[in-house]
Amino acid sequence: MRLGVVILPEDRWGEARQRWRRAEELGFDHAWTYDHLAWRSLRESNWFGAVPTLAAAALATERIGLGALVFSPSFRHPVPLAKEVVTLDDISGGRFILGIGAGGYGWDATMLGHPPLSPGERHRRFVEFVELTDLLLRQPETSYSGRFFSADGATRYPSSVQQPRVPLAIAATGPRGMELAATFADIWVTTGEGALSAQAGIEASVAAVRDQISRLEDACRAVDRDPQTLRRLALTGPLLESGLGSSASFRDALGQYAAAGIDDLVVHWPRPSEPYHGDVAAFERMVAR
């Protein structure tokens, strides 16, 4: 089981630098941030950009994997994103992981002045985003014509440190998204099911994840992929129980998620208030153990 942590991009770098360094000192395997223009109850609070935050984190650390959960097609285009991804992989010395999701319905979807998309349109945009990003990271030159995204002779120089490309972590819970992850992803990402809440407890969370993994394995077989070649990452938080209430419950959660088939579990760095309120000292003791 690999353990990761999400650090919200809300603090000025003088303070945030210490948090990213501390995540590495505590032995986390990977550290992530969120890619949003504004986020939930923190819409009117400090919120910094994901790409420069990750570039700074790459220079502040030496070992830990780095990424965003997840980059959003709501306000990003694969051509400039691919260039930034290759740059982040270079700065980090080959430690970058590219997380991609379908994009939500919140402020990210409307702040650029675009009308919200239907579920079907969001999925078609998601497919194009993943397809084009994969091509851009693999090929020296790419042309692509889609409804939502296009490229005309987009070049990839230099190539990424990691070959054949930076790993893709694709967030998907529905059948069409799982098929996309089975086709393109190196890591599948789940945040749970919509009917869940973290208050439902570890058993309900693990049961939901186990059911999702069963459907994911069906999706892999449908595209002739060995399901064991796809890593499974669970992002705990609003829907999935983390077990961070105590050291014993955290050890139990790690064991149950691992038994269900999860390879990577990600928790949130505690904040002084909700969301993800918690005591930093207690958190550090739990993860260090």
Protein backbone atom coordinates (compact mmCIF):
# COMPACT_ATOMS: atom_id res chain seq x y z
CA MET A 1 0.00 0.00 0.00
CA ARG A 2 1.37 3.39 -1.02
CA LEU A 3 0.23 6.39 1.02
CA GLY A 4 -0.38 9.86 -0.39
CA VAL A 5 -1.52 13.23 0.91
CA VAL A 6 -3.43 16.16 -0.60
CA ILE A 7 -2.18 19.62 0.37
CA LEU A 8 -4.69 22.30 -0.57
CA PRO A 9 -3.06 25.22 -2.46
CA GLU A 10 -4.28 27.84 -0.01
CA ASP A 11 -1.20 29.04 1.89
CA ARG A 12 1.47 31.42 0.68
CA TRP A 13 4.57 29.56 -0.40
CA GLY A 14 6.65 30.60 2.60
CA GLU A 15 4.36 28.42 4.73
CA ALA A 16 3.33 25.85 2.14
CA ARG A 17 6.96 24.91 1.37
CA GLN A 18 7.38 23.49 4.85
CA ARG A 19 4.26 21.36 4.47
CA TRP A 20 5.43 19.74 1.23
CA ARG A 21 8.85 19.08 2.73
CA ARG A 22 7.25 17.62 5.83
CA ALA A 23 5.13 15.27 3.73
CA GLU A 24 8.33 13.86 2.27
CA GLU A 25 9.98 13.60 5.69
CA LEU A 26 7.00 11.65 7.02
CA GLY A 27 7.49 9.04 4.31
CA PHE A 28 4.48 9.69 2.08
CA ASP A 29 4.90 8.06 -1.32
CA HIS A 30 3.17 10.87 -3.19
CA ALA A 31 1.75 14.34 -2.51
CA TRP A 32 -0.99 16.07 -4.46
CA THR A 33 -2.87 19.31 -4.73
CA TYR A 34 -6.21 20.26 -6.30
CA ASP A 35 -6.62 21.98 -9.68
CA HIS A 36 -9.50 24.45 -9.42
CA LEU A 37 -10.21 28.09 -10.13
CA ALA A 38 -12.25 28.21 -6.92
CA TRP A 39 -13.29 25.43 -4.60
CA ARG A 40 -16.43 24.84 -2.56
CA SER A 41 -16.64 26.72 0.75
CA LEU A 42 -13.17 28.25 0.16
CA ARG A 43 -14.29 30.21 -2.93
CA GLU A 44 -13.55 33.54 -1.24
CA SER A 45 -10.36 32.33 0.44
CA ASN A 46 -6.77 32.14 -0.83
CA TRP A 47 -6.40 29.60 -3.63
CA PHE A 48 -3.21 29.34 -5.67
CA GLY A 49 -2.55 27.75 -9.06
CA ALA A 50 -1.77 24.05 -9.24
CA VAL A 51 1.03 24.14 -11.84
CA PRO A 52 3.30 26.74 -10.18
CA THR A 53 2.58 25.14 -6.80
CA LEU A 54 3.74 21.75 -8.10
CA ALA A 55 6.81 23.29 -9.74
CA ALA A 56 7.79 24.86 -6.43
CA ALA A 57 7.06 21.59 -4.59
CA ALA A 58 9.31 19.73 -7.03
CA LEU A 59 12.20 22.04 -6.12
CA ALA A 60 11.45 21.77 -2.40
CA THR A 61 11.49 17.95 -2.35
CA GLU A 62 13.72 15.16 -3.63
CA ARG A 63 11.93 11.80 -3.52
CA ILE A 64 8.17 12.08 -3.24
CA GLY A 65 5.85 11.67 -6.23
CA LEU A 66 3.91 14.81 -7.19
CA GLY A 67 0.65 15.51 -8.99
CA ALA A 68 -2.80 17.11 -9.04
CA LEU A 69 -6.03 15.27 -8.27
CA VAL A 70 -7.13 16.14 -10.85
CA PHE A 71 -6.42 18.47 -13.78
CA SER A 72 -9.69 19.66 -15.25
CA PRO A 73 -10.85 19.97 -18.88
CA SER A 74 -13.31 22.60 -17.66
CA PHE A 75 -10.63 25.28 -18.05
CA ARG A 76 -7.55 23.53 -19.49
CA HIS A 77 -6.51 22.56 -23.00
CA PRO A 78 -4.34 19.48 -23.63
CA VAL A 79 -1.74 21.27 -25.77
CA PRO A 80 -0.46 23.79 -23.19
CA LEU A 81 -1.10 21.30 -20.38
CA ALA A 82 1.12 18.68 -22.03
CA LYS A 83 3.94 21.24 -22.27
CA GLU A 84 3.53 22.07 -18.58
CA VAL A 85 3.44 18.36 -17.67
CA VAL A 86 6.71 17.66 -19.48
CA THR A 87 8.23 20.67 -17.72
CA LEU A 88 7.02 19.50 -14.30
CA ASP A 89 8.38 16.02 -14.98
CA ASP A 90 11.75 17.55 -15.86
CA ILE A 91 11.88 19.83 -12.81
CA SER A 92 10.96 16.93 -10.51
CA GLY A 93 13.44 14.52 -12.10
CA GLY A 94 10.73 12.12 -13.26
CA ARG A 95 8.43 12.20 -10.21
CA PHE A 96 5.33 13.72 -11.79
CA ILE A 97 1.96 11.93 -12.12
CA LEU A 98 -0.73 13.45 -14.34
CA GLY A 99 -4.16 13.19 -12.73
CA ILE A 100 -7.13 13.85 -15.04
CA GLY A 101 -10.85 14.01 -14.32
CA ALA A 102 -14.01 14.85 -16.24
CA GLY A 103 -14.44 18.29 -14.68
CA GLY A 104 -17.20 19.24 -12.29
CA TYR A 105 -20.35 21.35 -12.33
CA GLY A 106 -19.17 24.09 -9.97
CA TRP A 107 -17.40 27.38 -10.52
CA ASP A 108 -14.72 25.77 -12.69
CA ALA A 109 -17.42 25.05 -15.26
CA THR A 110 -18.78 28.61 -15.39
CA MET A 111 -16.03 31.10 -14.46
CA LEU A 112 -14.82 31.31 -18.08
CA GLY A 113 -18.32 32.29 -19.17
CA HIS A 114 -19.27 28.98 -20.77
CA PRO A 115 -22.69 27.40 -20.21
CA PRO A 116 -22.61 24.14 -18.22
CA LEU A 117 -22.38 20.96 -20.30
CA SER A 118 -24.77 18.04 -20.12
CA PRO A 119 -23.45 14.76 -18.67
CA GLY A 120 -23.08 13.34 -22.17
CA GLU A 121 -21.15 16.39 -23.38
CA ARG A 122 -18.90 16.32 -20.32
CA HIS A 123 -18.05 12.69 -21.06
CA ARG A 124 -17.31 13.37 -24.73
CA ARG A 125 -15.08 16.27 -23.72
CA PHE A 126 -13.37 13.99 -21.17
CA VAL A 127 -12.68 11.37 -23.85
CA GLU A 128 -11.18 13.94 -26.20
CA PHE A 129 -9.09 15.44 -23.39
CA VAL A 130 -7.60 12.07 -22.45
CA GLU A 131 -7.08 10.91 -26.05
CA LEU A 132 -5.32 14.09 -27.12
CA THR A 133 -3.23 14.37 -23.95
CA ASP A 134 -2.03 10.79 -24.37
CA LEU A 135 -1.01 11.48 -28.00
CA LEU A 136 0.74 14.75 -27.12
CA LEU A 137 2.84 13.05 -24.44
CA ARG A 138 3.78 10.08 -26.64
CA GLN A 139 4.37 11.57 -30.11
CA PRO A 140 6.93 14.09 -31.38
CA GLU A 141 4.14 15.87 -33.30
CA THR A 142 0.35 15.66 -33.00
CA SER A 143 -2.62 16.86 -35.02
CA TYR A 144 -6.13 16.15 -33.76
CA SER A 145 -9.60 17.40 -34.61
CA GLY A 146 -12.35 17.06 -32.02
CA ARG A 147 -15.50 18.85 -31.03
CA PHE A 148 -14.00 20.26 -27.84
CA PHE A 149 -10.22 20.10 -28.39
CA SER A 150 -7.99 20.26 -31.45
CA ALA A 151 -4.28 20.40 -32.23
CA ASP A 152 -2.44 21.35 -35.42
CA GLY A 153 1.15 20.12 -35.59
CA ALA A 154 1.66 20.42 -31.82
CA THR A 155 5.26 19.42 -31.08
CA ARG A 156 6.65 17.66 -28.03
CA TYR A 157 10.24 18.72 -27.46
CA PRO A 158 11.75 17.66 -25.19
CA SER A 159 10.16 14.36 -24.25
CA SER A 160 9.37 13.62 -20.61
CA VAL A 161 11.88 12.06 -18.24
CA GLN A 162 9.51 9.13 -17.71
CA GLN A 163 9.02 6.96 -20.76
CA PRO A 164 7.01 6.29 -22.81
CA ARG A 165 5.21 9.19 -21.11
CA VAL A 166 4.29 10.60 -17.72
CA PRO A 167 1.89 8.21 -15.92
CA LEU A 168 -1.82 9.04 -16.24
CA ALA A 169 -4.07 8.79 -13.18
CA ILE A 170 -7.65 8.92 -14.45
CA ALA A 171 -10.56 9.52 -12.08
CA ALA A 172 -13.62 7.51 -13.12
CA THR A 173 -16.57 5.92 -11.35
CA GLY A 174 -19.15 5.33 -14.10
CA PRO A 175 -18.96 2.60 -16.76
CA ARG A 176 -17.88 4.90 -19.61
CA GLY A 177 -15.22 6.56 -17.50
CA MET A 178 -13.94 3.21 -16.31
CA GLU A 179 -13.62 2.06 -19.92
CA LEU A 180 -11.57 5.19 -20.62
CA ALA A 181 -9.36 4.49 -17.60
CA ALA A 182 -8.95 0.85 -18.62
CA THR A 183 -7.81 2.00 -22.06
CA PHE A 184 -5.43 4.83 -21.15
CA ALA A 185 -4.63 4.99 -17.44
CA ASP A 186 -1.66 3.79 -15.47
CA ILE A 187 -3.58 4.53 -12.26
CA TRP A 188 -7.35 4.47 -11.72
CA VAL A 189 -8.64 7.03 -9.20
CA THR A 190 -11.85 6.76 -7.18
CA THR A 191 -13.40 9.14 -4.69
CA GLY A 192 -16.22 6.73 -3.88
CA GLU A 193 -19.88 6.67 -4.88
CA GLY A 194 -22.18 9.66 -4.84
CA ALA A 195 -24.54 8.14 -2.27
CA LEU A 196 -21.73 7.68 0.24
CA SER A 197 -20.45 10.06 2.88
CA ALA A 198 -17.31 9.72 4.98
CA GLN A 199 -19.59 9.47 8.02
CA ALA A 200 -20.95 6.17 6.69
CA GLY A 201 -17.90 4.39 8.14
CA ILE A 202 -15.04 2.32 6.85
CA GLU A 203 -17.09 -0.78 6.07
CA ALA A 204 -19.45 1.10 3.74
CA SER A 205 -16.54 2.88 2.07
CA VAL A 206 -14.61 -0.34 1.48
CA ALA A 207 -17.71 -2.14 0.20
CA ALA A 208 -18.32 0.64 -2.34
CA VAL A 209 -14.70 0.56 -3.48
CA ARG A 210 -14.71 -3.23 -3.75
CA ASP A 211 -17.80 -3.06 -5.99
CA GLN A 212 -16.15 -0.38 -8.13
CA ILE A 213 -13.01 -2.46 -8.54
CA SER A 214 -15.11 -5.39 -9.73
CA ARG A 215 -16.63 -3.17 -12.41
CA LEU A 216 -13.22 -1.74 -13.26
CA GLU A 217 -11.85 -5.24 -13.81
CA ASP A 218 -14.77 -5.97 -16.14
CA ALA A 219 -13.91 -2.80 -18.07
CA CYS A 220 -10.28 -3.92 -18.35
CA ARG A 221 -11.26 -7.31 -19.70
CA ALA A 222 -13.58 -5.64 -22.21
CA VAL A 223 -10.59 -3.84 -23.75
CA ASP A 224 -8.30 -6.88 -23.45
CA ARG A 225 -6.24 -5.48 -20.59
CA ASP A 226 -4.95 -7.43 -17.62
CA PRO A 227 -6.66 -5.75 -14.62
CA GLN A 228 -3.53 -6.27 -12.52
CA THR A 229 -1.61 -3.84 -14.73
CA LEU A 230 -3.80 -0.94 -13.56
CA ARG A 231 -2.97 0.60 -10.16
CA ARG A 232 -5.98 1.55 -8.00
CA LEU A 233 -5.94 4.77 -5.97
CA ALA A 234 -8.62 5.78 -3.45
CA LEU A 235 -8.91 9.45 -2.50
CA THR A 236 -10.51 9.65 0.92
CA GLY A 237 -12.33 12.73 2.11
CA PRO A 238 -15.92 13.80 1.56
CA LEU A 239 -17.14 10.35 0.42
CA LEU A 240 -14.59 7.75 1.54
CA GLU A 241 -13.64 7.21 5.18
CA SER A 242 -9.93 7.79 5.88
CA GLY A 243 -9.75 6.19 9.31
CA LEU A 244 -7.76 9.15 10.65
CA GLY A 245 -9.73 9.27 13.90
CA SER A 246 -7.03 7.24 15.68
CA SER A 247 -3.91 5.23 14.96
CA ALA A 248 -5.84 1.97 15.39
CA SER A 249 -8.63 3.00 13.03
CA PHE A 250 -6.11 4.25 10.48
CA ARG A 251 -4.24 0.93 10.51
CA ASP A 252 -7.58 -0.85 10.15
CA ALA A 253 -8.56 1.36 7.20
CA LEU A 254 -5.25 0.72 5.44
CA GLY A 255 -5.71 -3.02 5.87
CA GLN A 256 -9.31 -3.05 4.66
CA TYR A 257 -8.63 -0.91 1.59
CA ALA A 258 -5.62 -3.07 0.71
CA ALA A 259 -7.71 -6.24 1.06
CA ALA A 260 -10.32 -4.71 -1.26
CA GLY A 261 -7.67 -4.19 -3.94
CA ILE A 262 -6.53 -0.60 -3.43
CA ASP A 263 -2.82 0.03 -4.10
CA ASP A 264 -2.66 3.71 -3.12
CA LEU A 265 -4.60 5.51 -0.38
CA VAL A 266 -4.64 9.31 -0.25
CA VAL A 267 -5.63 11.42 2.76
CA HIS A 268 -5.81 15.19 3.30
CA TRP A 269 -3.36 17.28 5.28
CA PRO A 270 -5.39 18.55 8.25
CA ARG A 271 -6.61 22.14 8.33
CA PRO A 272 -7.48 24.38 11.31
CA SER A 273 -11.14 24.40 10.18
CA GLU A 274 -13.47 22.42 7.94
CA PRO A 275 -13.11 20.96 5.41
CA TYR A 276 -10.58 18.38 6.63
CA HIS A 277 -10.27 19.82 10.11
CA GLY A 278 -7.73 18.00 12.25
CA ASP A 279 -4.77 18.18 14.58
CA VAL A 280 -1.48 18.26 12.66
CA ALA A 281 0.59 16.74 15.46
CA ALA A 282 -1.80 13.79 15.85
CA PHE A 283 -1.92 13.36 12.08
CA GLU A 284 1.87 13.24 11.86
CA ARG A 285 2.07 10.65 14.63
CA MET A 286 -0.45 8.43 12.87
CA VAL A 287 1.13 8.47 9.44
CA ALA A 288 4.67 8.15 10.82
CA ARG A 289 3.67 4.90 12.52
